[in-house]
Amino acid sequence: MKKIADIKAEMGFTTAGPRCGTCKHFTIEKETVEIWSTRICTIDKNWRCGIGGFIVAKSGYCNYYERQ
């Protein structure tokens, strides 16, 4: 029986493809929040398409994709 990694390699499977998260039109807001007055964290929020203005996921894709 073949290993999953071998099957993926034969198929040319890759997770590195055109996605909203790597598009130059992808916009995101970063918010800094304080937790328990001892930790400061940065949260990514309001992921949007800069062309259409709608909410997107980082793994989305459209015909207007342009690499950053």
C-alpha atoms as a PDB file:
ATOM      1  CA  MET A   1       0.000   0.000   0.000  1.00  0.00           C
ATOM      2  CA  LYS A   2       1.306   3.454  -0.933  1.00  0.00           C
ATOM      3  CA  LYS A   3       1.916   6.198   1.563  1.00  0.00           C
ATOM      4  CA  ILE A   4      -0.247   9.310   1.336  1.00  0.00           C
ATOM      5  CA  ALA A   5       2.817  11.470   0.667  1.00  0.00           C
ATOM      6  CA  ASP A   6       3.725   9.288  -2.345  1.00  0.00           C
ATOM      7  CA  ILE A   7       0.191   9.485  -3.745  1.00  0.00           C
ATOM      8  CA  LYS A   8       0.158  13.288  -3.369  1.00  0.00           C
ATOM      9  CA  ALA A   9       3.538  13.553  -5.104  1.00  0.00           C
ATOM     10  CA  GLU A  10       2.320  11.414  -8.032  1.00  0.00           C
ATOM     11  CA  MET A  11      -0.761  13.607  -8.395  1.00  0.00           C
ATOM     12  CA  GLY A  12       1.231  16.846  -8.188  1.00  0.00           C
ATOM     13  CA  PHE A  13      -0.834  17.953  -5.197  1.00  0.00           C
ATOM     14  CA  THR A  14       0.243  21.220  -3.611  1.00  0.00           C
ATOM     15  CA  THR A  15      -1.186  23.590  -1.043  1.00  0.00           C
ATOM     16  CA  ALA A  16       0.772  26.514  -2.526  1.00  0.00           C
ATOM     17  CA  GLY A  17      -1.590  27.913  -5.108  1.00  0.00           C
ATOM     18  CA  PRO A  18      -3.355  31.159  -5.866  1.00  0.00           C
ATOM     19  CA  ARG A  19      -5.359  32.131  -2.802  1.00  0.00           C
ATOM     20  CA  CYS A  20      -6.883  35.307  -1.416  1.00  0.00           C
ATOM     21  CA  GLY A  21      -4.348  35.292   1.430  1.00  0.00           C
ATOM     22  CA  THR A  22      -1.494  35.816  -1.048  1.00  0.00           C
ATOM     23  CA  CYS A  23      -3.322  38.212  -3.392  1.00  0.00           C
ATOM     24  CA  LYS A  24      -2.310  41.871  -3.545  1.00  0.00           C
ATOM     25  CA  HIS A  25      -5.996  42.866  -3.297  1.00  0.00           C
ATOM     26  CA  PHE A  26      -6.503  41.026   0.020  1.00  0.00           C
ATOM     27  CA  THR A  27      -7.021  43.461   2.903  1.00  0.00           C
ATOM     28  CA  ILE A  28      -6.944  42.696   6.596  1.00  0.00           C
ATOM     29  CA  GLU A  29      -7.210  44.681   9.803  1.00  0.00           C
ATOM     30  CA  LYS A  30      -4.985  43.922  12.758  1.00  0.00           C
ATOM     31  CA  GLU A  31      -6.214  44.676  16.250  1.00  0.00           C
ATOM     32  CA  THR A  32      -4.036  44.624  19.351  1.00  0.00           C
ATOM     33  CA  VAL A  33      -5.828  43.413  22.465  1.00  0.00           C
ATOM     34  CA  GLU A  34      -4.717  43.108  26.055  1.00  0.00           C
ATOM     35  CA  ILE A  35      -5.453  39.860  27.847  1.00  0.00           C
ATOM     36  CA  TRP A  36      -5.367  39.728  31.643  1.00  0.00           C
ATOM     37  CA  SER A  37      -3.284  42.918  31.709  1.00  0.00           C
ATOM     38  CA  THR A  38      -0.138  40.815  31.231  1.00  0.00           C
ATOM     39  CA  ARG A  39      -0.363  39.648  27.613  1.00  0.00           C
ATOM     40  CA  ILE A  40      -0.826  41.602  24.423  1.00  0.00           C
ATOM     41  CA  CYS A  41      -2.024  39.755  21.323  1.00  0.00           C
ATOM     42  CA  THR A  42      -2.616  40.793  17.736  1.00  0.00           C
ATOM     43  CA  ILE A  43      -5.821  39.555  16.115  1.00  0.00           C
ATOM     44  CA  ASP A  44      -6.442  39.473  12.354  1.00  0.00           C
ATOM     45  CA  LYS A  45      -9.965  40.538  11.507  1.00  0.00           C
ATOM     46  CA  ASN A  46     -12.144  41.918   8.725  1.00  0.00           C
ATOM     47  CA  TRP A  47     -10.616  39.892   5.869  1.00  0.00           C
ATOM     48  CA  ARG A  48     -11.889  41.468   2.654  1.00  0.00           C
ATOM     49  CA  CYS A  49     -11.387  41.574  -1.078  1.00  0.00           C
ATOM     50  CA  GLY A  50      -9.971  44.971  -1.999  1.00  0.00           C
ATOM     51  CA  ILE A  51     -11.753  44.903  -5.365  1.00  0.00           C
ATOM     52  CA  GLY A  52     -15.248  43.713  -4.429  1.00  0.00           C
ATOM     53  CA  GLY A  53     -15.235  44.747  -0.770  1.00  0.00           C
ATOM     54  CA  PHE A  54     -16.820  41.474   0.371  1.00  0.00           C
ATOM     55  CA  ILE A  55     -15.630  39.139   3.132  1.00  0.00           C
ATOM     56  CA  VAL A  56     -13.246  36.388   2.009  1.00  0.00           C
ATOM     57  CA  ALA A  57     -11.324  33.483   3.493  1.00  0.00           C
ATOM     58  CA  LYS A  58      -7.571  33.267   3.012  1.00  0.00           C
ATOM     59  CA  SER A  59      -8.087  30.085   0.985  1.00  0.00           C
ATOM     60  CA  GLY A  60     -10.485  31.684  -1.529  1.00  0.00           C
ATOM     61  CA  TYR A  61      -9.643  32.452  -5.153  1.00  0.00           C
ATOM     62  CA  CYS A  62     -11.065  34.448  -8.070  1.00  0.00           C
ATOM     63  CA  ASN A  63     -10.196  35.482 -11.635  1.00  0.00           C
ATOM     64  CA  TYR A  64      -8.712  38.801 -10.458  1.00  0.00           C
ATOM     65  CA  TYR A  65      -5.945  37.151  -8.417  1.00  0.00           C
ATOM     66  CA  GLU A  66      -2.592  38.933  -8.532  1.00  0.00           C
ATOM     67  CA  ARG A  67       0.383  37.753  -6.505  1.00  0.00           C
ATOM     68  CA  GLN A  68       1.747  40.256  -3.963  1.00  0.00           C
END
